[in-house]
Structure formats: C-alpha cells, structure tokens
Amino acid sequence: MRIEIIPVQLRMLDNEHPRTPGLHQGKILRKMAAERGYLKEVDASDLSMVEVNESGFWESLDPESQIRMAVGMAWEEWYSRQLDDVSFHPGELVVDGVYMTPDGESLEFVHGSGYVPAVHEIKATSKSTNTVSGLNGDKNWLWRAQMLGYCKAMNTNIAYLHVLFLYGDYERPFKMQVRCWRFEFTWTEIEMNWKGLLGFIKHHQRLAQHEDY
C-alpha cells in the first residue's frame, strides 16, 4: 500500500450575493475592534475599511483563516434552512454610504407596533460559551455593534444572534453547542453606535487626507 499527502488549496467560491465595492460595516467594525485592542492577534494598520475585491481578500488570508471562514459559511448556509420564517441573505443595505449584508430577516409581531422587521445574525466561533455569557463586555463588542448597525439600516430594534460554539464551554471532552439570543436594543443604543461608526470613518478619512499633503 502506498499513501501520499495531496496538498489542498481552498478557493473562494462564486458568491450569489456579491458585495458592492466601498465602505462596508464589517470591515469598519473589525478595524475599530483592532484599534481598541479587542482583537489581540490583528494589526489594525493592516486592515482596510473598503471592500475592493472579494477574491483578493480571500487570497490575503492565511490557510487557517480560510478554513475558519469556510466553516462559518458552511454552517451559516446549513443552519439558515432551520429557520423557516427567516429570509436568508435578504440583500445589501446602505446607510450614509456604508454597506451592510445581514444574514437574515424576519417579521415579528410587537404589541402596539404590529409587524416589525427583525435582524438575524449567524456565527460559528471557537469562543467559549462562558466568554459569551451575557454577551456584554469588550470581547463581544464586535457582534453587538454589527447587529446594532443592521438594526439602524432596517429601522428595527430587534435582533437574533444564532451561534455555533465549536468547543462548547471548553470542558473536556469538547461538546459543540448551539445557542440563540434575542436582543431588544434601545433606540439610543442604536443611534449612539451608528454615530460612533461614522465618527471613526471621518477620523480615518481626515488622516488619509493629511497623509496626502
């Protein structure tokens, strides 16, 4: 018997929901999180707020990051089929020149308001369920800010976060867990989050203009 290792090269598949080049919330928030020290392993200076080319972005990732992203996309695709009343990838949204691509959207009946939209975000993570407990604190800022931005774009204050925890609570033997949270943000939280995002963009635009002189 002869066995040999065959190298595997992952590639970015064609996207049925292409992203418009320009400022994208996901990239902006990731740069904000890196500058604030929430992403310890990321150098903020290496991050751009502008989406240029998705295949170029994929090529810039190391093999481990490509696998992690592929797992997340596969889980998102499969799990979304469990959500019967949710429209998966409802379409690109834009507010104040910032593009956003929420994972899902549904309608929810709220007493006194009738049917209102609700945001759905799907994640797969190596975080511990203990770290995410309560979803407060700096370690979960990126997820909260992302949902707050989607709420701004969809004119709602309701969001659902669906998470696959690949290592559960990190107790051995590892046991995967799936959890879901419903958020009802205040309108003040939504507006303050958006104000902070726009302020961050303007700050970096001023820096770029200064460097051009």
C-alpha atoms as a PDB file:
ATOM      1  CA  MET A   1       0.000   0.000   0.000  1.00  0.00           C
ATOM      2  CA  ARG A   2       1.298   3.415  -0.980  1.00  0.00           C
ATOM      3  CA  ILE A   3      -0.029   6.581   0.674  1.00  0.00           C
ATOM      4  CA  GLU A   4       0.897  10.136  -0.199  1.00  0.00           C
ATOM      5  CA  ILE A   5      -0.250  13.516   1.038  1.00  0.00           C
ATOM      6  CA  ILE A   6      -2.050  15.613  -1.565  1.00  0.00           C
ATOM      7  CA  PRO A   7      -1.871  19.386  -0.955  1.00  0.00           C
ATOM      8  CA  VAL A   8      -5.262  21.066  -0.647  1.00  0.00           C
ATOM      9  CA  GLN A   9      -5.744  24.597  -1.932  1.00  0.00           C
ATOM     10  CA  LEU A  10      -9.003  26.222  -0.918  1.00  0.00           C
ATOM     11  CA  ARG A  11     -10.507  28.843  -3.192  1.00  0.00           C
ATOM     12  CA  MET A  12     -13.236  31.416  -2.845  1.00  0.00           C
ATOM     13  CA  LEU A  13     -16.439  30.154  -4.468  1.00  0.00           C
ATOM     14  CA  ASP A  14     -18.599  32.350  -6.649  1.00  0.00           C
ATOM     15  CA  ASN A  15     -20.811  34.479  -4.443  1.00  0.00           C
ATOM     16  CA  GLU A  16     -24.528  34.552  -5.249  1.00  0.00           C
ATOM     17  CA  HIS A  17     -24.718  37.759  -3.225  1.00  0.00           C
ATOM     18  CA  PRO A  18     -21.775  39.907  -4.417  1.00  0.00           C
ATOM     19  CA  ARG A  19     -20.758  42.870  -2.289  1.00  0.00           C
ATOM     20  CA  THR A  20     -20.637  46.359  -3.745  1.00  0.00           C
ATOM     21  CA  PRO A  21     -17.133  47.882  -3.589  1.00  0.00           C
ATOM     22  CA  GLY A  22     -16.917  50.646  -0.986  1.00  0.00           C
ATOM     23  CA  LEU A  23     -17.194  51.140   2.757  1.00  0.00           C
ATOM     24  CA  HIS A  24     -18.547  48.015   4.472  1.00  0.00           C
ATOM     25  CA  GLN A  25     -19.692  47.837   8.070  1.00  0.00           C
ATOM     26  CA  GLY A  26     -17.984  44.504   8.709  1.00  0.00           C
ATOM     27  CA  LYS A  27     -14.581  45.819   7.679  1.00  0.00           C
ATOM     28  CA  ILE A  28     -15.072  49.115   9.542  1.00  0.00           C
ATOM     29  CA  LEU A  29     -16.058  47.393  12.785  1.00  0.00           C
ATOM     30  CA  ARG A  30     -13.184  44.933  12.547  1.00  0.00           C
ATOM     31  CA  LYS A  31     -10.721  47.821  12.200  1.00  0.00           C
ATOM     32  CA  MET A  32     -12.393  49.604  15.135  1.00  0.00           C
ATOM     33  CA  ALA A  33     -12.137  46.460  17.267  1.00  0.00           C
ATOM     34  CA  ALA A  34      -8.466  46.013  16.383  1.00  0.00           C
ATOM     35  CA  GLU A  35      -7.630  49.628  17.240  1.00  0.00           C
ATOM     36  CA  ARG A  36      -9.412  49.261  20.582  1.00  0.00           C
ATOM     37  CA  GLY A  37      -7.414  46.142  21.383  1.00  0.00           C
ATOM     38  CA  TYR A  38     -10.381  43.758  21.242  1.00  0.00           C
ATOM     39  CA  LEU A  39      -8.683  41.668  18.547  1.00  0.00           C
ATOM     40  CA  LYS A  40      -5.319  40.883  20.084  1.00  0.00           C
ATOM     41  CA  GLU A  41      -3.964  38.938  17.105  1.00  0.00           C
ATOM     42  CA  VAL A  42      -4.779  41.602  14.490  1.00  0.00           C
ATOM     43  CA  ASP A  43      -2.723  44.648  13.496  1.00  0.00           C
ATOM     44  CA  ALA A  44      -5.224  47.451  12.833  1.00  0.00           C
ATOM     45  CA  SER A  45      -2.866  49.116  10.348  1.00  0.00           C
ATOM     46  CA  ASP A  46      -3.195  46.076   8.079  1.00  0.00           C
ATOM     47  CA  LEU A  47      -6.980  46.441   7.862  1.00  0.00           C
ATOM     48  CA  SER A  48      -8.936  48.459   5.323  1.00  0.00           C
ATOM     49  CA  MET A  49     -12.491  49.745   5.725  1.00  0.00           C
ATOM     50  CA  VAL A  50     -13.140  49.439   1.994  1.00  0.00           C
ATOM     51  CA  GLU A  51     -14.293  46.335   0.132  1.00  0.00           C
ATOM     52  CA  VAL A  52     -12.441  46.172  -3.177  1.00  0.00           C
ATOM     53  CA  ASN A  53     -12.275  42.595  -4.404  1.00  0.00           C
ATOM     54  CA  GLU A  54     -13.600  39.541  -2.560  1.00  0.00           C
ATOM     55  CA  SER A  55     -11.200  37.116  -4.219  1.00  0.00           C
ATOM     56  CA  GLY A  56      -8.306  39.409  -3.308  1.00  0.00           C
ATOM     57  CA  PHE A  57      -9.493  39.389   0.291  1.00  0.00           C
ATOM     58  CA  TRP A  58      -9.567  35.579   0.268  1.00  0.00           C
ATOM     59  CA  GLU A  59      -6.045  35.369  -1.131  1.00  0.00           C
ATOM     60  CA  SER A  60      -4.800  37.629   1.674  1.00  0.00           C
ATOM     61  CA  LEU A  61      -5.918  35.154   4.349  1.00  0.00           C
ATOM     62  CA  ASP A  62      -3.617  32.529   5.802  1.00  0.00           C
ATOM     63  CA  PRO A  63      -4.726  28.862   5.358  1.00  0.00           C
ATOM     64  CA  GLU A  64      -6.082  28.615   8.922  1.00  0.00           C
ATOM     65  CA  SER A  65      -8.220  31.730   8.468  1.00  0.00           C
ATOM     66  CA  GLN A  66      -9.532  30.404   5.151  1.00  0.00           C
ATOM     67  CA  ILE A  67     -10.643  27.164   6.815  1.00  0.00           C
ATOM     68  CA  ARG A  68     -12.227  29.045   9.709  1.00  0.00           C
ATOM     69  CA  MET A  69     -14.138  31.270   7.288  1.00  0.00           C
ATOM     70  CA  ALA A  70     -15.224  28.281   5.173  1.00  0.00           C
ATOM     71  CA  VAL A  71     -16.593  26.504   8.273  1.00  0.00           C
ATOM     72  CA  GLY A  72     -18.537  29.623   9.212  1.00  0.00           C
ATOM     73  CA  MET A  73     -20.028  29.993   5.727  1.00  0.00           C
ATOM     74  CA  ALA A  74     -20.966  26.302   5.560  1.00  0.00           C
ATOM     75  CA  TRP A  75     -22.648  26.455   8.977  1.00  0.00           C
ATOM     76  CA  GLU A  76     -24.488  29.634   8.033  1.00  0.00           C
ATOM     77  CA  GLU A  77     -25.794  28.032   4.834  1.00  0.00           C
ATOM     78  CA  TRP A  78     -26.972  24.858   6.594  1.00  0.00           C
ATOM     79  CA  TYR A  79     -28.349  26.464   9.753  1.00  0.00           C
ATOM     80  CA  SER A  80     -30.320  29.102   7.856  1.00  0.00           C
ATOM     81  CA  ARG A  81     -32.509  26.286   6.486  1.00  0.00           C
ATOM     82  CA  GLN A  82     -33.653  25.538  10.043  1.00  0.00           C
ATOM     83  CA  LEU A  83     -35.185  28.999  10.319  1.00  0.00           C
ATOM     84  CA  ASP A  84     -38.466  28.613   8.463  1.00  0.00           C
ATOM     85  CA  ASP A  85     -39.712  32.170   8.893  1.00  0.00           C
ATOM     86  CA  VAL A  86     -36.400  33.879   8.122  1.00  0.00           C
ATOM     87  CA  SER A  87     -35.384  35.239   4.714  1.00  0.00           C
ATOM     88  CA  PHE A  88     -31.735  34.262   4.248  1.00  0.00           C
ATOM     89  CA  HIS A  89     -29.443  36.951   2.754  1.00  0.00           C
ATOM     90  CA  PRO A  90     -32.250  39.499   2.247  1.00  0.00           C
ATOM     91  CA  GLY A  91     -29.949  41.788   0.283  1.00  0.00           C
ATOM     92  CA  GLU A  92     -27.376  44.502   0.640  1.00  0.00           C
ATOM     93  CA  LEU A  93     -28.318  47.595   2.644  1.00  0.00           C
ATOM     94  CA  VAL A  94     -26.666  51.012   2.606  1.00  0.00           C
ATOM     95  CA  VAL A  95     -26.927  53.889   5.088  1.00  0.00           C
ATOM     96  CA  ASP A  96     -24.772  57.040   4.942  1.00  0.00           C
ATOM     97  CA  GLY A  97     -22.604  55.383   2.301  1.00  0.00           C
ATOM     98  CA  VAL A  98     -21.908  52.297   4.451  1.00  0.00           C
ATOM     99  CA  TYR A  99     -22.867  48.909   3.004  1.00  0.00           C
ATOM    100  CA  MET A 100     -24.220  46.077   5.152  1.00  0.00           C
ATOM    101  CA  THR A 101     -25.153  42.457   4.409  1.00  0.00           C
ATOM    102  CA  PRO A 102     -27.238  40.917   7.216  1.00  0.00           C
ATOM    103  CA  ASP A 103     -27.531  37.125   7.297  1.00  0.00           C
ATOM    104  CA  GLY A 104     -31.300  37.060   7.673  1.00  0.00           C
ATOM    105  CA  GLU A 105     -34.504  38.996   8.195  1.00  0.00           C
ATOM    106  CA  SER A 106     -37.901  38.066   9.617  1.00  0.00           C
ATOM    107  CA  LEU A 107     -41.110  39.776  10.664  1.00  0.00           C
ATOM    108  CA  GLU A 108     -42.142  39.797  14.308  1.00  0.00           C
ATOM    109  CA  PHE A 109     -45.387  40.942  15.883  1.00  0.00           C
ATOM    110  CA  VAL A 110     -44.854  43.573  18.577  1.00  0.00           C
ATOM    111  CA  HIS A 111     -47.804  44.721  20.650  1.00  0.00           C
ATOM    112  CA  GLY A 112     -48.654  48.307  19.806  1.00  0.00           C
ATOM    113  CA  SER A 113     -46.456  48.341  16.677  1.00  0.00           C
ATOM    114  CA  GLY A 114     -47.785  45.465  14.605  1.00  0.00           C
ATOM    115  CA  TYR A 115     -45.307  43.522  12.482  1.00  0.00           C
ATOM    116  CA  VAL A 116     -41.758  44.858  12.536  1.00  0.00           C
ATOM    117  CA  PRO A 117     -38.556  43.520  10.950  1.00  0.00           C
ATOM    118  CA  ALA A 118     -36.048  41.542  12.982  1.00  0.00           C
ATOM    119  CA  VAL A 119     -32.347  41.056  12.195  1.00  0.00           C
ATOM    120  CA  HIS A 120     -30.780  37.571  12.235  1.00  0.00           C
ATOM    121  CA  GLU A 121     -27.035  37.009  12.523  1.00  0.00           C
ATOM    122  CA  ILE A 122     -25.446  33.528  12.351  1.00  0.00           C
ATOM    123  CA  LYS A 123     -21.993  32.767  13.754  1.00  0.00           C
ATOM    124  CA  ALA A 124     -19.630  29.827  14.219  1.00  0.00           C
ATOM    125  CA  THR A 125     -16.954  30.508  16.833  1.00  0.00           C
ATOM    126  CA  SER A 126     -14.103  28.973  18.791  1.00  0.00           C
ATOM    127  CA  LYS A 127     -15.050  31.182  21.759  1.00  0.00           C
ATOM    128  CA  SER A 128     -16.222  29.516  24.945  1.00  0.00           C
ATOM    129  CA  THR A 129     -19.870  29.729  25.941  1.00  0.00           C
ATOM    130  CA  ASN A 130     -18.554  31.108  29.242  1.00  0.00           C
ATOM    131  CA  THR A 131     -16.857  34.013  27.451  1.00  0.00           C
ATOM    132  CA  VAL A 132     -20.048  34.899  25.618  1.00  0.00           C
ATOM    133  CA  SER A 133     -22.324  34.536  28.638  1.00  0.00           C
ATOM    134  CA  GLY A 134     -24.465  37.666  28.831  1.00  0.00           C
ATOM    135  CA  LEU A 135     -22.910  38.988  25.613  1.00  0.00           C
ATOM    136  CA  ASN A 136     -21.585  42.021  27.452  1.00  0.00           C
ATOM    137  CA  GLY A 137     -18.051  43.318  27.618  1.00  0.00           C
ATOM    138  CA  ASP A 138     -15.325  44.073  25.098  1.00  0.00           C
ATOM    139  CA  LYS A 139     -14.934  40.504  23.832  1.00  0.00           C
ATOM    140  CA  ASN A 140     -18.453  40.568  22.396  1.00  0.00           C
ATOM    141  CA  TRP A 141     -18.450  44.199  21.243  1.00  0.00           C
ATOM    142  CA  LEU A 142     -17.956  43.289  17.590  1.00  0.00           C
ATOM    143  CA  TRP A 143     -21.101  41.120  17.445  1.00  0.00           C
ATOM    144  CA  ARG A 144     -23.223  43.702  19.275  1.00  0.00           C
ATOM    145  CA  ALA A 145     -22.012  46.574  17.087  1.00  0.00           C
ATOM    146  CA  GLN A 146     -22.715  44.575  13.950  1.00  0.00           C
ATOM    147  CA  MET A 147     -26.310  43.868  14.978  1.00  0.00           C
ATOM    148  CA  LEU A 148     -26.839  47.458  16.079  1.00  0.00           C
ATOM    149  CA  GLY A 149     -25.744  48.616  12.626  1.00  0.00           C
ATOM    150  CA  TYR A 150     -28.144  46.216  10.919  1.00  0.00           C
ATOM    151  CA  CYS A 151     -30.934  47.463  13.180  1.00  0.00           C
ATOM    152  CA  LYS A 152     -30.161  51.012  12.077  1.00  0.00           C
ATOM    153  CA  ALA A 153     -30.375  50.001   8.418  1.00  0.00           C
ATOM    154  CA  MET A 154     -33.613  48.011   8.843  1.00  0.00           C
ATOM    155  CA  ASN A 155     -35.266  50.550  11.172  1.00  0.00           C
ATOM    156  CA  THR A 156     -35.821  47.998  13.931  1.00  0.00           C
ATOM    157  CA  ASN A 157     -34.537  47.404  17.440  1.00  0.00           C
ATOM    158  CA  ILE A 158     -34.957  43.614  17.441  1.00  0.00           C
ATOM    159  CA  ALA A 159     -32.173  41.180  16.552  1.00  0.00           C
ATOM    160  CA  TYR A 160     -31.443  37.483  16.941  1.00  0.00           C
ATOM    161  CA  LEU A 161     -27.958  36.018  17.314  1.00  0.00           C
ATOM    162  CA  HIS A 162     -27.528  32.325  16.465  1.00  0.00           C
ATOM    163  CA  VAL A 163     -24.157  30.851  17.460  1.00  0.00           C
ATOM    164  CA  LEU A 164     -22.420  27.502  16.989  1.00  0.00           C
ATOM    165  CA  PHE A 165     -19.794  27.044  19.714  1.00  0.00           C
ATOM    166  CA  LEU A 166     -17.290  24.621  18.226  1.00  0.00           C
ATOM    167  CA  TYR A 167     -15.684  23.846  21.596  1.00  0.00           C
ATOM    168  CA  GLY A 168     -18.687  24.389  23.877  1.00  0.00           C
ATOM    169  CA  ASP A 169     -17.582  25.578  27.306  1.00  0.00           C
ATOM    170  CA  TYR A 170     -14.031  24.234  26.754  1.00  0.00           C
ATOM    171  CA  GLU A 171     -14.503  21.454  29.275  1.00  0.00           C
ATOM    172  CA  ARG A 172     -13.094  18.174  28.007  1.00  0.00           C
ATOM    173  CA  PRO A 173     -14.330  16.265  26.186  1.00  0.00           C
ATOM    174  CA  PHE A 174     -15.348  19.195  23.977  1.00  0.00           C
ATOM    175  CA  LYS A 175     -19.040  19.249  23.167  1.00  0.00           C
ATOM    176  CA  MET A 176     -20.372  21.557  20.477  1.00  0.00           C
ATOM    177  CA  GLN A 177     -23.319  23.728  21.480  1.00  0.00           C
ATOM    178  CA  VAL A 178     -25.804  25.885  19.578  1.00  0.00           C
ATOM    179  CA  ARG A 179     -27.394  28.888  21.263  1.00  0.00           C
ATOM    180  CA  CYS A 180     -29.697  31.702  20.246  1.00  0.00           C
ATOM    181  CA  TRP A 181     -30.311  35.090  21.855  1.00  0.00           C
ATOM    182  CA  ARG A 182     -32.999  37.687  21.209  1.00  0.00           C
ATOM    183  CA  PHE A 183     -31.952  41.332  21.593  1.00  0.00           C
ATOM    184  CA  GLU A 184     -34.226  44.288  22.045  1.00  0.00           C
ATOM    185  CA  PHE A 185     -31.942  47.296  21.808  1.00  0.00           C
ATOM    186  CA  THR A 186     -32.920  50.808  22.835  1.00  0.00           C
ATOM    187  CA  TRP A 187     -33.074  53.366  20.034  1.00  0.00           C
ATOM    188  CA  THR A 188     -30.449  55.370  21.903  1.00  0.00           C
ATOM    189  CA  GLU A 189     -28.043  52.404  21.746  1.00  0.00           C
ATOM    190  CA  ILE A 190     -28.642  52.091  18.008  1.00  0.00           C
ATOM    191  CA  GLU A 191     -28.064  55.791  17.314  1.00  0.00           C
ATOM    192  CA  MET A 192     -25.001  56.028  19.565  1.00  0.00           C
ATOM    193  CA  ASN A 193     -23.435  53.002  17.887  1.00  0.00           C
ATOM    194  CA  TRP A 194     -24.015  54.491  14.439  1.00  0.00           C
ATOM    195  CA  LYS A 195     -22.687  57.887  15.494  1.00  0.00           C
ATOM    196  CA  GLY A 196     -19.511  56.182  16.733  1.00  0.00           C
ATOM    197  CA  LEU A 197     -19.084  54.304  13.450  1.00  0.00           C
ATOM    198  CA  LEU A 198     -19.483  57.444  11.336  1.00  0.00           C
ATOM    199  CA  GLY A 199     -17.080  59.318  13.612  1.00  0.00           C
ATOM    200  CA  PHE A 200     -14.497  56.565  13.148  1.00  0.00           C
ATOM    201  CA  ILE A 201     -14.842  56.765   9.365  1.00  0.00           C
ATOM    202  CA  LYS A 202     -14.454  60.562   9.323  1.00  0.00           C
ATOM    203  CA  HIS A 203     -11.413  60.359  11.610  1.00  0.00           C
ATOM    204  CA  HIS A 204      -9.623  57.995   9.233  1.00  0.00           C
ATOM    205  CA  GLN A 205     -10.659  59.988   6.186  1.00  0.00           C
ATOM    206  CA  ARG A 206      -9.090  63.096   7.758  1.00  0.00           C
ATOM    207  CA  LEU A 207      -5.914  61.116   8.489  1.00  0.00           C
ATOM    208  CA  ALA A 208      -5.772  59.939   4.885  1.00  0.00           C
ATOM    209  CA  GLN A 209      -6.219  63.491   3.583  1.00  0.00           C
ATOM    210  CA  HIS A 210      -3.446  64.712   5.885  1.00  0.00           C
ATOM    211  CA  GLU A 211      -1.087  61.994   4.602  1.00  0.00           C
ATOM    212  CA  ASP A 212      -1.780  63.053   1.005  1.00  0.00           C
ATOM    213  CA  TYR A 213      -0.352  66.521   1.634  1.00  0.00           C
END
